[in-house]
PDB file of N, CA and C in Angstrom:
ATOM      1  N   MET A   1     -25.986  31.113   1.557  1.00  0.00           N
ATOM      2  CA  MET A   1     -25.978  31.122   0.102  1.00  0.00           C
ATOM      3  C   MET A   1     -24.541  30.926  -0.396  1.00  0.00           C
ATOM      4  N   ILE A   2     -24.346  29.980  -1.283  1.00  0.00           N
ATOM      5  CA  ILE A   2     -23.024  29.705  -1.824  1.00  0.00           C
ATOM      6  C   ILE A   2     -22.626  30.823  -2.787  1.00  0.00           C
ATOM      7  N   GLN A   3     -21.421  31.321  -2.600  1.00  0.00           N
ATOM      8  CA  GLN A   3     -20.879  32.337  -3.497  1.00  0.00           C
ATOM      9  C   GLN A   3     -19.948  31.667  -4.500  1.00  0.00           C
ATOM     10  N   LYS A   4     -19.763  32.337  -5.638  1.00  0.00           N
ATOM     11  CA  LYS A   4     -18.876  31.823  -6.683  1.00  0.00           C
ATOM     12  C   LYS A   4     -17.696  32.774  -6.837  1.00  0.00           C
ATOM     13  N   HIS A   5     -16.489  32.199  -6.848  1.00  0.00           N
ATOM     14  CA  HIS A   5     -15.270  32.984  -6.980  1.00  0.00           C
ATOM     15  C   HIS A   5     -14.392  32.387  -8.073  1.00  0.00           C
ATOM     16  N   VAL A   6     -13.740  33.246  -8.821  1.00  0.00           N
ATOM     17  CA  VAL A   6     -12.740  32.795  -9.788  1.00  0.00           C
ATOM     18  C   VAL A   6     -11.460  33.586  -9.518  1.00  0.00           C
ATOM     19  N   PHE A   7     -10.366  32.867  -9.456  1.00  0.00           N
ATOM     20  CA  PHE A   7      -9.047  33.446  -9.215  1.00  0.00           C
ATOM     21  C   PHE A   7      -8.229  33.239 -10.479  1.00  0.00           C
ATOM     22  N   VAL A   8      -7.626  34.309 -10.993  1.00  0.00           N
ATOM     23  CA  VAL A   8      -6.821  34.213 -12.207  1.00  0.00           C
ATOM     24  C   VAL A   8      -5.406  34.679 -11.883  1.00  0.00           C
ATOM     25  N   VAL A   9      -4.443  33.792 -12.106  1.00  0.00           N
ATOM     26  CA  VAL A   9      -3.037  34.098 -11.858  1.00  0.00           C
ATOM     27  C   VAL A   9      -2.415  34.612 -13.146  1.00  0.00           C
ATOM     28  N   TYR A  10      -2.096  35.900 -13.157  1.00  0.00           N
ATOM     29  CA  TYR A  10      -1.380  36.534 -14.257  1.00  0.00           C
ATOM     30  C   TYR A  10       0.095  36.747 -13.907  1.00  0.00           C
ATOM     31  N   ALA A  11       0.451  36.474 -12.671  1.00  0.00           N
ATOM     32  CA  ALA A  11       1.787  36.760 -12.146  1.00  0.00           C
ATOM     33  C   ALA A  11       2.883  36.075 -12.956  1.00  0.00           C
ATOM     34  N   GLY A  12       3.950  36.808 -13.167  1.00  0.00           N
ATOM     35  CA  GLY A  12       5.095  36.273 -13.884  1.00  0.00           C
ATOM     36  C   GLY A  12       5.909  35.319 -13.024  1.00  0.00           C
ATOM     37  N   PRO A  13       6.916  34.694 -13.616  1.00  0.00           N
ATOM     38  CA  PRO A  13       7.718  33.668 -12.939  1.00  0.00           C
ATOM     39  C   PRO A  13       8.429  34.128 -11.665  1.00  0.00           C
ATOM     40  N   HIS A  14       8.576  35.431 -11.468  1.00  0.00           N
ATOM     41  CA  HIS A  14       9.299  35.929 -10.285  1.00  0.00           C
ATOM     42  C   HIS A  14       8.357  36.570  -9.266  1.00  0.00           C
ATOM     43  N   GLU A  15       7.071  36.247  -9.351  1.00  0.00           N
ATOM     44  CA  GLU A  15       6.088  36.851  -8.453  1.00  0.00           C
ATOM     45  C   GLU A  15       5.390  35.777  -7.610  1.00  0.00           C
ATOM     46  N   ALA A  16       6.179  35.029  -6.886  1.00  0.00           N
ATOM     47  CA  ALA A  16       5.669  33.907  -6.095  1.00  0.00           C
ATOM     48  C   ALA A  16       4.630  34.339  -5.064  1.00  0.00           C
ATOM     49  N   GLY A  17       4.792  35.508  -4.508  1.00  0.00           N
ATOM     50  CA  GLY A  17       3.847  35.979  -3.492  1.00  0.00           C
ATOM     51  C   GLY A  17       2.430  36.084  -4.026  1.00  0.00           C
ATOM     52  N   ARG A  18       2.291  36.578  -5.243  1.00  0.00           N
ATOM     53  CA  ARG A  18       0.963  36.699  -5.844  1.00  0.00           C
ATOM     54  C   ARG A  18       0.343  35.326  -6.090  1.00  0.00           C
ATOM     55  N   VAL A  19       1.159  34.379  -6.511  1.00  0.00           N
ATOM     56  CA  VAL A  19       0.666  33.021  -6.756  1.00  0.00           C
ATOM     57  C   VAL A  19       0.231  32.378  -5.440  1.00  0.00           C
ATOM     58  N   PHE A  20       1.052  32.527  -4.413  1.00  0.00           N
ATOM     59  CA  PHE A  20       0.708  31.983  -3.104  1.00  0.00           C
ATOM     60  C   PHE A  20      -0.639  32.528  -2.635  1.00  0.00           C
ATOM     61  N   HIS A  21      -0.827  33.847  -2.759  1.00  0.00           N
ATOM     62  CA  HIS A  21      -2.081  34.442  -2.298  1.00  0.00           C
ATOM     63  C   HIS A  21      -3.272  33.946  -3.103  1.00  0.00           C
ATOM     64  N   ALA A  22      -3.125  33.771  -4.395  1.00  0.00           N
ATOM     65  CA  ALA A  22      -4.219  33.222  -5.198  1.00  0.00           C
ATOM     66  C   ALA A  22      -4.581  31.825  -4.720  1.00  0.00           C
ATOM     67  N   LEU A  23      -3.577  30.985  -4.523  1.00  0.00           N
ATOM     68  CA  LEU A  23      -3.824  29.614  -4.068  1.00  0.00           C
ATOM     69  C   LEU A  23      -4.448  29.574  -2.678  1.00  0.00           C
ATOM     70  N   ILE A  24      -3.935  30.369  -1.758  1.00  0.00           N
ATOM     71  CA  ILE A  24      -4.420  30.315  -0.379  1.00  0.00           C
ATOM     72  C   ILE A  24      -5.838  30.877  -0.267  1.00  0.00           C
ATOM     73  N   HIS A  25      -6.149  31.924  -1.033  1.00  0.00           N
ATOM     74  CA  HIS A  25      -7.513  32.471  -1.002  1.00  0.00           C
ATOM     75  C   HIS A  25      -8.494  31.516  -1.665  1.00  0.00           C
ATOM     76  N   ALA A  26      -8.070  30.856  -2.737  1.00  0.00           N
ATOM     77  CA  ALA A  26      -8.922  29.847  -3.370  1.00  0.00           C
ATOM     78  C   ALA A  26      -9.186  28.697  -2.388  1.00  0.00           C
ATOM     79  N   LYS A  27      -8.156  28.311  -1.644  1.00  0.00           N
ATOM     80  CA  LYS A  27      -8.317  27.251  -0.637  1.00  0.00           C
ATOM     81  C   LYS A  27      -9.303  27.685   0.443  1.00  0.00           C
ATOM     82  N   GLN A  28      -9.183  28.929   0.877  1.00  0.00           N
ATOM     83  CA  GLN A  28     -10.074  29.454   1.910  1.00  0.00           C
ATOM     84  C   GLN A  28     -11.527  29.426   1.439  1.00  0.00           C
ATOM     85  N   VAL A  29     -11.772  29.897   0.230  1.00  0.00           N
ATOM     86  CA  VAL A  29     -13.120  29.924  -0.326  1.00  0.00           C
ATOM     87  C   VAL A  29     -13.674  28.504  -0.457  1.00  0.00           C
ATOM     88  N   HIS A  30     -12.870  27.626  -0.997  1.00  0.00           N
ATOM     89  CA  HIS A  30     -13.282  26.232  -1.178  1.00  0.00           C
ATOM     90  C   HIS A  30     -13.561  25.577   0.175  1.00  0.00           C
ATOM     91  N   GLY A  31     -12.697  25.854   1.145  1.00  0.00           N
ATOM     92  CA  GLY A  31     -12.837  25.259   2.467  1.00  0.00           C
ATOM     93  C   GLY A  31     -14.089  25.665   3.202  1.00  0.00           C
ATOM     94  N   ARG A  32     -14.603  26.835   2.907  1.00  0.00           N
ATOM     95  CA  ARG A  32     -15.848  27.253   3.574  1.00  0.00           C
ATOM     96  C   ARG A  32     -17.097  26.824   2.815  1.00  0.00           C
ATOM     97  N   GLY A  33     -16.900  26.112   1.705  1.00  0.00           N
ATOM     98  CA  GLY A  33     -18.024  25.553   0.973  1.00  0.00           C
ATOM     99  C   GLY A  33     -18.509  26.369  -0.205  1.00  0.00           C
ATOM    100  N   ASP A  34     -17.833  27.462  -0.510  1.00  0.00           N
ATOM    101  CA  ASP A  34     -18.189  28.247  -1.687  1.00  0.00           C
ATOM    102  C   ASP A  34     -17.559  27.625  -2.927  1.00  0.00           C
ATOM    103  N   HIS A  35     -18.009  28.037  -4.077  1.00  0.00           N
ATOM    104  CA  HIS A  35     -17.480  27.534  -5.341  1.00  0.00           C
ATOM    105  C   HIS A  35     -16.232  28.346  -5.706  1.00  0.00           C
ATOM    106  N   ALA A  36     -15.144  27.653  -6.011  1.00  0.00           N
ATOM    107  CA  ALA A  36     -13.890  28.320  -6.371  1.00  0.00           C
ATOM    108  C   ALA A  36     -13.306  27.695  -7.625  1.00  0.00           C
ATOM    109  N   GLU A  37     -12.812  28.536  -8.511  1.00  0.00           N
ATOM    110  CA  GLU A  37     -12.080  28.107  -9.694  1.00  0.00           C
ATOM    111  C   GLU A  37     -10.812  28.942  -9.763  1.00  0.00           C
ATOM    112  N   LEU A  38      -9.714  28.317 -10.158  1.00  0.00           N
ATOM    113  CA  LEU A  38      -8.449  29.027 -10.305  1.00  0.00           C
ATOM    114  C   LEU A  38      -7.872  28.709 -11.681  1.00  0.00           C
ATOM    115  N   TYR A  39      -7.469  29.757 -12.384  1.00  0.00           N
ATOM    116  CA  TYR A  39      -6.895  29.637 -13.722  1.00  0.00           C
ATOM    117  C   TYR A  39      -5.534  30.322 -13.760  1.00  0.00           C
ATOM    118  N   PHE A  40      -4.696  29.880 -14.681  1.00  0.00           N
ATOM    119  CA  PHE A  40      -3.414  30.516 -14.951  1.00  0.00           C
ATOM    120  C   PHE A  40      -3.513  31.147 -16.341  1.00  0.00           C
ATOM    121  N   ALA A  41      -3.137  32.422 -16.449  1.00  0.00           N
ATOM    122  CA  ALA A  41      -3.235  33.131 -17.728  1.00  0.00           C
ATOM    123  C   ALA A  41      -2.007  34.016 -17.929  1.00  0.00           C
ATOM    124  N   ALA A  42      -1.804  34.434 -19.165  1.00  0.00           N
ATOM    125  CA  ALA A  42      -0.674  35.295 -19.543  1.00  0.00           C
ATOM    126  C   ALA A  42       0.630  34.696 -18.996  1.00  0.00           C
ATOM    127  N   GLU A  43       1.469  35.523 -18.364  1.00  0.00           N
ATOM    128  CA  GLU A  43       2.724  35.009 -17.812  1.00  0.00           C
ATOM    129  C   GLU A  43       2.493  33.967 -16.723  1.00  0.00           C
ATOM    130  N   GLY A  44       1.311  33.965 -16.155  1.00  0.00           N
ATOM    131  CA  GLY A  44       0.967  32.989 -15.129  1.00  0.00           C
ATOM    132  C   GLY A  44       0.983  31.554 -15.626  1.00  0.00           C
ATOM    133  N   THR A  45       0.981  31.372 -16.956  1.00  0.00           N
ATOM    134  CA  THR A  45       1.023  30.008 -17.499  1.00  0.00           C
ATOM    135  C   THR A  45       2.382  29.344 -17.283  1.00  0.00           C
ATOM    136  N   HIS A  46       3.357  30.106 -16.812  1.00  0.00           N
ATOM    137  CA  HIS A  46       4.646  29.517 -16.429  1.00  0.00           C
ATOM    138  C   HIS A  46       4.522  28.727 -15.123  1.00  0.00           C
ATOM    139  N   TRP A  47       3.573  29.082 -14.282  1.00  0.00           N
ATOM    140  CA  TRP A  47       3.493  28.538 -12.928  1.00  0.00           C
ATOM    141  C   TRP A  47       3.092  27.077 -12.817  1.00  0.00           C
ATOM    142  N   PRO A  48       2.143  26.559 -13.587  1.00  0.00           N
ATOM    143  CA  PRO A  48       1.762  25.160 -13.368  1.00  0.00           C
ATOM    144  C   PRO A  48       2.941  24.186 -13.389  1.00  0.00           C
ATOM    145  N   ALA A  49       3.823  24.312 -14.356  1.00  0.00           N
ATOM    146  CA  ALA A  49       4.974  23.400 -14.436  1.00  0.00           C
ATOM    147  C   ALA A  49       5.907  23.579 -13.239  1.00  0.00           C
ATOM    148  N   MET A  50       6.088  24.819 -12.805  1.00  0.00           N
ATOM    149  CA  MET A  50       6.960  25.056 -11.653  1.00  0.00           C
ATOM    150  C   MET A  50       6.343  24.489 -10.378  1.00  0.00           C
ATOM    151  N   LEU A  51       5.048  24.728 -10.187  1.00  0.00           N
ATOM    152  CA  LEU A  51       4.366  24.269  -8.973  1.00  0.00           C
ATOM    153  C   LEU A  51       4.219  22.758  -8.923  1.00  0.00           C
ATOM    154  N   ALA A  52       4.199  22.115 -10.082  1.00  0.00           N
ATOM    155  CA  ALA A  52       4.051  20.659 -10.148  1.00  0.00           C
ATOM    156  C   ALA A  52       5.311  19.914  -9.703  1.00  0.00           C
ATOM    157  N   LYS A  53       6.431  20.608  -9.625  1.00  0.00           N
ATOM    158  CA  LYS A  53       7.678  19.973  -9.174  1.00  0.00           C
ATOM    159  C   LYS A  53       7.591  19.688  -7.674  1.00  0.00           C
ATOM    160  N   SER A  54       7.882  18.462  -7.309  1.00  0.00           N
ATOM    161  CA  SER A  54       7.714  18.037  -5.918  1.00  0.00           C
ATOM    162  C   SER A  54       8.570  18.830  -4.932  1.00  0.00           C
ATOM    163  N   ASP A  55       9.655  19.429  -5.399  1.00  0.00           N
ATOM    164  CA  ASP A  55      10.512  20.182  -4.487  1.00  0.00           C
ATOM    165  C   ASP A  55      10.159  21.674  -4.417  1.00  0.00           C
ATOM    166  N   HIS A  56       9.111  22.101  -5.126  1.00  0.00           N
ATOM    167  CA  HIS A  56       8.717  23.513  -5.058  1.00  0.00           C
ATOM    168  C   HIS A  56       8.025  23.772  -3.709  1.00  0.00           C
ATOM    169  N   PRO A  57       8.333  24.886  -3.042  1.00  0.00           N
ATOM    170  CA  PRO A  57       7.741  25.171  -1.730  1.00  0.00           C
ATOM    171  C   PRO A  57       6.210  25.224  -1.716  1.00  0.00           C
ATOM    172  N   MET A  58       5.584  25.525  -2.857  1.00  0.00           N
ATOM    173  CA  MET A  58       4.119  25.583  -2.905  1.00  0.00           C
ATOM    174  C   MET A  58       3.506  24.329  -3.516  1.00  0.00           C
ATOM    175  N   ASN A  59       4.305  23.296  -3.725  1.00  0.00           N
ATOM    176  CA  ASN A  59       3.798  22.092  -4.375  1.00  0.00           C
ATOM    177  C   ASN A  59       2.645  21.444  -3.628  1.00  0.00           C
ATOM    178  N   SER A  60       2.736  21.348  -2.310  1.00  0.00           N
ATOM    179  CA  SER A  60       1.666  20.674  -1.561  1.00  0.00           C
ATOM    180  C   SER A  60       0.356  21.454  -1.645  1.00  0.00           C
ATOM    181  N   LEU A  61       0.429  22.769  -1.567  1.00  0.00           N
ATOM    182  CA  LEU A  61      -0.768  23.606  -1.695  1.00  0.00           C
ATOM    183  C   LEU A  61      -1.341  23.495  -3.106  1.00  0.00           C
ATOM    184  N   PHE A  62      -0.467  23.574  -4.107  1.00  0.00           N
ATOM    185  CA  PHE A  62      -0.878  23.413  -5.501  1.00  0.00           C
ATOM    186  C   PHE A  62      -1.536  22.055  -5.717  1.00  0.00           C
ATOM    187  N   SER A  63      -0.909  21.000  -5.228  1.00  0.00           N
ATOM    188  CA  SER A  63      -1.441  19.646  -5.403  1.00  0.00           C
ATOM    189  C   SER A  63      -2.800  19.490  -4.735  1.00  0.00           C
ATOM    190  N   GLU A  64      -2.934  20.065  -3.545  1.00  0.00           N
ATOM    191  CA  GLU A  64      -4.211  20.005  -2.833  1.00  0.00           C
ATOM    192  C   GLU A  64      -5.312  20.686  -3.635  1.00  0.00           C
ATOM    193  N   MET A  65      -5.015  21.865  -4.198  1.00  0.00           N
ATOM    194  CA  MET A  65      -6.020  22.588  -4.973  1.00  0.00           C
ATOM    195  C   MET A  65      -6.311  21.895  -6.308  1.00  0.00           C
ATOM    196  N   LEU A  66      -5.315  21.260  -6.873  1.00  0.00           N
ATOM    197  CA  LEU A  66      -5.507  20.508  -8.112  1.00  0.00           C
ATOM    198  C   LEU A  66      -6.398  19.293  -7.853  1.00  0.00           C
ATOM    199  N   GLU A  67      -6.096  18.553  -6.800  1.00  0.00           N
ATOM    200  CA  GLU A  67      -6.879  17.361  -6.462  1.00  0.00           C
ATOM    201  C   GLU A  67      -8.308  17.700  -6.057  1.00  0.00           C
ATOM    202  N   SER A  68      -8.512  18.869  -5.470  1.00  0.00           N
ATOM    203  CA  SER A  68      -9.857  19.272  -5.047  1.00  0.00           C
ATOM    204  C   SER A  68     -10.719  19.735  -6.219  1.00  0.00           C
ATOM    205  N   GLY A  69     -10.093  19.942  -7.374  1.00  0.00           N
ATOM    206  CA  GLY A  69     -10.837  20.418  -8.539  1.00  0.00           C
ATOM    207  C   GLY A  69     -10.926  21.925  -8.641  1.00  0.00           C
ATOM    208  N   VAL A  70     -10.303  22.640  -7.711  1.00  0.00           N
ATOM    209  CA  VAL A  70     -10.335  24.105  -7.749  1.00  0.00           C
ATOM    210  C   VAL A  70      -9.539  24.633  -8.941  1.00  0.00           C
ATOM    211  N   ILE A  71      -8.384  24.048  -9.212  1.00  0.00           N
ATOM    212  CA  ILE A  71      -7.582  24.491 -10.356  1.00  0.00           C
ATOM    213  C   ILE A  71      -8.245  23.981 -11.622  1.00  0.00           C
ATOM    214  N   SER A  72      -8.672  24.926 -12.444  1.00  0.00           N
ATOM    215  CA  SER A  72      -9.465  24.605 -13.629  1.00  0.00           C
ATOM    216  C   SER A  72      -8.658  24.560 -14.911  1.00  0.00           C
ATOM    217  N   GLY A  73      -7.413  25.015 -14.891  1.00  0.00           N
ATOM    218  CA  GLY A  73      -6.560  24.927 -16.067  1.00  0.00           C
ATOM    219  C   GLY A  73      -5.835  26.219 -16.373  1.00  0.00           C
ATOM    220  N   ALA A  74      -5.141  26.178 -17.501  1.00  0.00           N
ATOM    221  CA  ALA A  74      -4.384  27.337 -17.984  1.00  0.00           C
ATOM    222  C   ALA A  74      -4.979  27.786 -19.307  1.00  0.00           C
ATOM    223  N   CYS A  75      -4.947  29.070 -19.531  1.00  0.00           N
ATOM    224  CA  CYS A  75      -5.461  29.655 -20.770  1.00  0.00           C
ATOM    225  C   CYS A  75      -4.642  29.129 -21.951  1.00  0.00           C
ATOM    226  N   ALA A  76      -5.288  28.445 -22.881  1.00  0.00           N
ATOM    227  CA  ALA A  76      -4.594  27.881 -24.043  1.00  0.00           C
ATOM    228  C   ALA A  76      -3.973  28.969 -24.902  1.00  0.00           C
ATOM    229  N   ALA A  77      -4.714  30.038 -25.164  1.00  0.00           N
ATOM    230  CA  ALA A  77      -4.192  31.124 -26.002  1.00  0.00           C
ATOM    231  C   ALA A  77      -2.960  31.752 -25.362  1.00  0.00           C
ATOM    232  N   CYS A  78      -3.017  31.946 -24.056  1.00  0.00           N
ATOM    233  CA  CYS A  78      -1.889  32.541 -23.335  1.00  0.00           C
ATOM    234  C   CYS A  78      -0.692  31.596 -23.326  1.00  0.00           C
ATOM    235  N   ALA A  79      -0.950  30.336 -23.026  1.00  0.00           N
ATOM    236  CA  ALA A  79       0.137  29.360 -22.965  1.00  0.00           C
ATOM    237  C   ALA A  79       0.832  29.242 -24.315  1.00  0.00           C
ATOM    238  N   ASN A  80       0.074  29.288 -25.386  1.00  0.00           N
ATOM    239  CA  ASN A  80       0.679  29.267 -26.721  1.00  0.00           C
ATOM    240  C   ASN A  80       1.512  30.519 -26.956  1.00  0.00           C
ATOM    241  N   ALA A  81       1.000  31.666 -26.552  1.00  0.00           N
ATOM    242  CA  ALA A  81       1.715  32.932 -26.754  1.00  0.00           C
ATOM    243  C   ALA A  81       2.997  33.001 -25.940  1.00  0.00           C
ATOM    244  N   PHE A  82       3.001  32.422 -24.744  1.00  0.00           N
ATOM    245  CA  PHE A  82       4.165  32.486 -23.858  1.00  0.00           C
ATOM    246  C   PHE A  82       5.057  31.248 -23.952  1.00  0.00           C
ATOM    247  N   GLY A  83       4.740  30.353 -24.863  1.00  0.00           N
ATOM    248  CA  GLY A  83       5.577  29.178 -25.069  1.00  0.00           C
ATOM    249  C   GLY A  83       5.533  28.156 -23.950  1.00  0.00           C
ATOM    250  N   THR A  84       4.427  28.109 -23.227  1.00  0.00           N
ATOM    251  CA  THR A  84       4.313  27.209 -22.083  1.00  0.00           C
ATOM    252  C   THR A  84       3.218  26.156 -22.260  1.00  0.00           C
ATOM    253  N   ALA A  85       2.702  26.024 -23.469  1.00  0.00           N
ATOM    254  CA  ALA A  85       1.529  25.172 -23.707  1.00  0.00           C
ATOM    255  C   ALA A  85       1.750  23.715 -23.309  1.00  0.00           C
ATOM    256  N   ASP A  86       2.859  23.120 -23.724  1.00  0.00           N
ATOM    257  CA  ASP A  86       3.087  21.701 -23.423  1.00  0.00           C
ATOM    258  C   ASP A  86       3.167  21.460 -21.923  1.00  0.00           C
ATOM    259  N   GLU A  87       3.937  22.289 -21.225  1.00  0.00           N
ATOM    260  CA  GLU A  87       4.123  22.114 -19.786  1.00  0.00           C
ATOM    261  C   GLU A  87       2.833  22.390 -19.018  1.00  0.00           C
ATOM    262  N   ALA A  88       2.115  23.453 -19.391  1.00  0.00           N
ATOM    263  CA  ALA A  88       0.863  23.792 -18.708  1.00  0.00           C
ATOM    264  C   ALA A  88      -0.191  22.718 -18.946  1.00  0.00           C
ATOM    265  N   LYS A  89      -0.251  22.221 -20.174  1.00  0.00           N
ATOM    266  CA  LYS A  89      -1.219  21.164 -20.501  1.00  0.00           C
ATOM    267  C   LYS A  89      -0.968  19.925 -19.648  1.00  0.00           C
ATOM    268  N   GLU A  90       0.289  19.563 -19.512  1.00  0.00           N
ATOM    269  CA  GLU A  90       0.635  18.385 -18.713  1.00  0.00           C
ATOM    270  C   GLU A  90       0.295  18.583 -17.239  1.00  0.00           C
ATOM    271  N   ALA A  91       0.535  19.775 -16.718  1.00  0.00           N
ATOM    272  CA  ALA A  91       0.352  20.022 -15.288  1.00  0.00           C
ATOM    273  C   ALA A  91      -1.109  20.249 -14.887  1.00  0.00           C
ATOM    274  N   VAL A  92      -1.853  21.030 -15.683  1.00  0.00           N
ATOM    275  CA  VAL A  92      -3.219  21.395 -15.274  1.00  0.00           C
ATOM    276  C   VAL A  92      -4.249  21.326 -16.395  1.00  0.00           C
ATOM    277  N   GLY A  93      -3.806  21.118 -17.611  1.00  0.00           N
ATOM    278  CA  GLY A  93      -4.734  21.139 -18.740  1.00  0.00           C
ATOM    279  C   GLY A  93      -4.929  22.553 -19.261  1.00  0.00           C
ATOM    280  N   LEU A  94      -5.376  22.646 -20.495  1.00  0.00           N
ATOM    281  CA  LEU A  94      -5.593  23.945 -21.136  1.00  0.00           C
ATOM    282  C   LEU A  94      -7.083  24.188 -21.332  1.00  0.00           C
ATOM    283  N   VAL A  95      -7.483  25.440 -21.198  1.00  0.00           N
ATOM    284  CA  VAL A  95      -8.877  25.829 -21.438  1.00  0.00           C
ATOM    285  C   VAL A  95      -8.905  26.908 -22.513  1.00  0.00           C
ATOM    286  N   GLN A  96      -9.930  26.845 -23.317  1.00  0.00           N
ATOM    287  CA  GLN A  96     -10.103  27.801 -24.414  1.00  0.00           C
ATOM    288  C   GLN A  96     -11.280  28.699 -24.089  1.00  0.00           C
ATOM    289  N   GLY A  97     -11.059  30.007 -24.102  1.00  0.00           N
ATOM    290  CA  GLY A  97     -12.141  30.953 -23.867  1.00  0.00           C
ATOM    291  C   GLY A  97     -12.923  31.209 -25.144  1.00  0.00           C
ATOM    292  N   PRO A  98     -13.953  32.018 -25.055  1.00  0.00           N
ATOM    293  CA  PRO A  98     -14.811  32.278 -26.209  1.00  0.00           C
ATOM    294  C   PRO A  98     -14.145  33.164 -27.261  1.00  0.00           C
ATOM    295  N   GLU A  99     -14.703  33.134 -28.446  1.00  0.00           N
ATOM    296  CA  GLU A  99     -14.191  33.951 -29.543  1.00  0.00           C
ATOM    297  C   GLU A  99     -14.229  35.437 -29.196  1.00  0.00           C
ATOM    298  N   ALA A 100     -15.245  35.849 -28.452  1.00  0.00           N
ATOM    299  CA  ALA A 100     -15.399  37.263 -28.090  1.00  0.00           C
ATOM    300  C   ALA A 100     -14.207  37.786 -27.299  1.00  0.00           C
ATOM    301  N   SER A 101     -13.520  36.887 -26.569  1.00  0.00           N
ATOM    302  CA  SER A 101     -12.342  37.314 -25.803  1.00  0.00           C
ATOM    303  C   SER A 101     -11.057  36.805 -26.456  1.00  0.00           C
ATOM    304  N   PHE A 102     -11.144  36.490 -27.743  1.00  0.00           N
ATOM    305  CA  PHE A 102      -9.993  36.000 -28.508  1.00  0.00           C
ATOM    306  C   PHE A 102      -9.374  34.767 -27.865  1.00  0.00           C
ATOM    307  N   GLY A 103     -10.227  33.927 -27.278  1.00  0.00           N
ATOM    308  CA  GLY A 103      -9.759  32.683 -26.664  1.00  0.00           C
ATOM    309  C   GLY A 103      -9.240  32.823 -25.249  1.00  0.00           C
ATOM    310  N   GLN A 104      -9.223  34.047 -24.727  1.00  0.00           N
ATOM    311  CA  GLN A 104      -8.750  34.272 -23.361  1.00  0.00           C
ATOM    312  C   GLN A 104      -9.792  33.773 -22.366  1.00  0.00           C
ATOM    313  N   ILE A 105      -9.378  33.533 -21.143  1.00  0.00           N
ATOM    314  CA  ILE A 105     -10.323  33.181 -20.090  1.00  0.00           C
ATOM    315  C   ILE A 105     -11.333  34.318 -19.990  1.00  0.00           C
ATOM    316  N   ASP A 106     -12.598  33.968 -19.969  1.00  0.00           N
ATOM    317  CA  ASP A 106     -13.674  34.957 -20.068  1.00  0.00           C
ATOM    318  C   ASP A 106     -14.046  35.548 -18.708  1.00  0.00           C
ATOM    319  N   ILE A 107     -13.186  36.412 -18.179  1.00  0.00           N
ATOM    320  CA  ILE A 107     -13.472  36.988 -16.864  1.00  0.00           C
ATOM    321  C   ILE A 107     -14.696  37.904 -16.901  1.00  0.00           C
ATOM    322  N   ILE A 108     -14.966  38.525 -18.037  1.00  0.00           N
ATOM    323  CA  ILE A 108     -16.159  39.377 -18.147  1.00  0.00           C
ATOM    324  C   ILE A 108     -17.413  38.506 -18.064  1.00  0.00           C
ATOM    325  N   GLY A 109     -17.404  37.395 -18.802  1.00  0.00           N
ATOM    326  CA  GLY A 109     -18.544  36.479 -18.754  1.00  0.00           C
ATOM    327  C   GLY A 109     -18.743  35.882 -17.377  1.00  0.00           C
ATOM    328  N   MET A 110     -17.640  35.566 -16.704  1.00  0.00           N
ATOM    329  CA  MET A 110     -17.744  35.022 -15.353  1.00  0.00           C
ATOM    330  C   MET A 110     -18.345  36.053 -14.403  1.00  0.00           C
ATOM    331  N   ASN A 111     -17.920  37.284 -14.545  1.00  0.00           N
ATOM    332  CA  ASN A 111     -18.481  38.362 -13.739  1.00  0.00           C
ATOM    333  C   ASN A 111     -19.982  38.478 -14.023  1.00  0.00           C
ATOM    334  N   ASP A 112     -20.358  38.430 -15.289  1.00  0.00           N
ATOM    335  CA  ASP A 112     -21.771  38.499 -15.662  1.00  0.00           C
ATOM    336  C   ASP A 112     -22.566  37.337 -15.069  1.00  0.00           C
ATOM    337  N   ASP A 113     -21.903  36.185 -14.893  1.00  0.00           N
ATOM    338  CA  ASP A 113     -22.560  35.000 -14.320  1.00  0.00           C
ATOM    339  C   ASP A 113     -22.548  34.989 -12.794  1.00  0.00           C
ATOM    340  N   GLY A 114     -22.126  36.092 -12.186  1.00  0.00           N
ATOM    341  CA  GLY A 114     -22.194  36.212 -10.728  1.00  0.00           C
ATOM    342  C   GLY A 114     -20.962  35.809  -9.970  1.00  0.00           C
ATOM    343  N   TYR A 115     -19.858  35.563 -10.678  1.00  0.00           N
ATOM    344  CA  TYR A 115     -18.612  35.226  -9.999  1.00  0.00           C
ATOM    345  C   TYR A 115     -17.934  36.483  -9.464  1.00  0.00           C
ATOM    346  N   HIS A 116     -17.325  36.380  -8.296  1.00  0.00           N
ATOM    347  CA  HIS A 116     -16.394  37.400  -7.840  1.00  0.00           C
ATOM    348  C   HIS A 116     -15.093  37.068  -8.540  1.00  0.00           C
ATOM    349  N   VAL A 117     -14.534  38.018  -9.264  1.00  0.00           N
ATOM    350  CA  VAL A 117     -13.317  37.777 -10.040  1.00  0.00           C
ATOM    351  C   VAL A 117     -12.139  38.420  -9.321  1.00  0.00           C
ATOM    352  N   TRP A 118     -11.124  37.599  -9.045  1.00  0.00           N
ATOM    353  CA  TRP A 118      -9.928  38.030  -8.331  1.00  0.00           C
ATOM    354  C   TRP A 118      -8.728  37.841  -9.246  1.00  0.00           C
ATOM    355  N   LEU A 119      -7.982  38.894  -9.475  1.00  0.00           N
ATOM    356  CA  LEU A 119      -6.827  38.840 -10.386  1.00  0.00           C
ATOM    357  C   LEU A 119      -5.532  38.959  -9.592  1.00  0.00           C
ATOM    358  N   PHE A 120      -4.627  38.039  -9.847  1.00  0.00           N
ATOM    359  CA  PHE A 120      -3.337  38.025  -9.142  1.00  0.00           C
ATOM    360  C   PHE A 120      -2.201  38.037 -10.145  1.00  0.00           C
TER     361      PHE A 120
END
């Protein structure tokens, strides 16, 4: 039975370890054939632009997850709040959550829909 997982990166710009673990676990889930989605939210919206740089140590992993469709985007509300909207939009695109969560990524709704929710 295919399982559904969502990984949300909240990690700030100086928390590379948390970002690495989110990416590697998403890769693991995707690689075994389960459904995986990865989002960047809050301070985590700083990461897409950093990871998109070809000289970043996690660029190849980031690019692989982006090309596979696992990376689903960055929270638009968060990116606007943290001043990262233009860069995040260019790197991964922006997603808008429902009104009930004030536009935030709807982790409660995802949980209700049977996703395992992982926060990094």
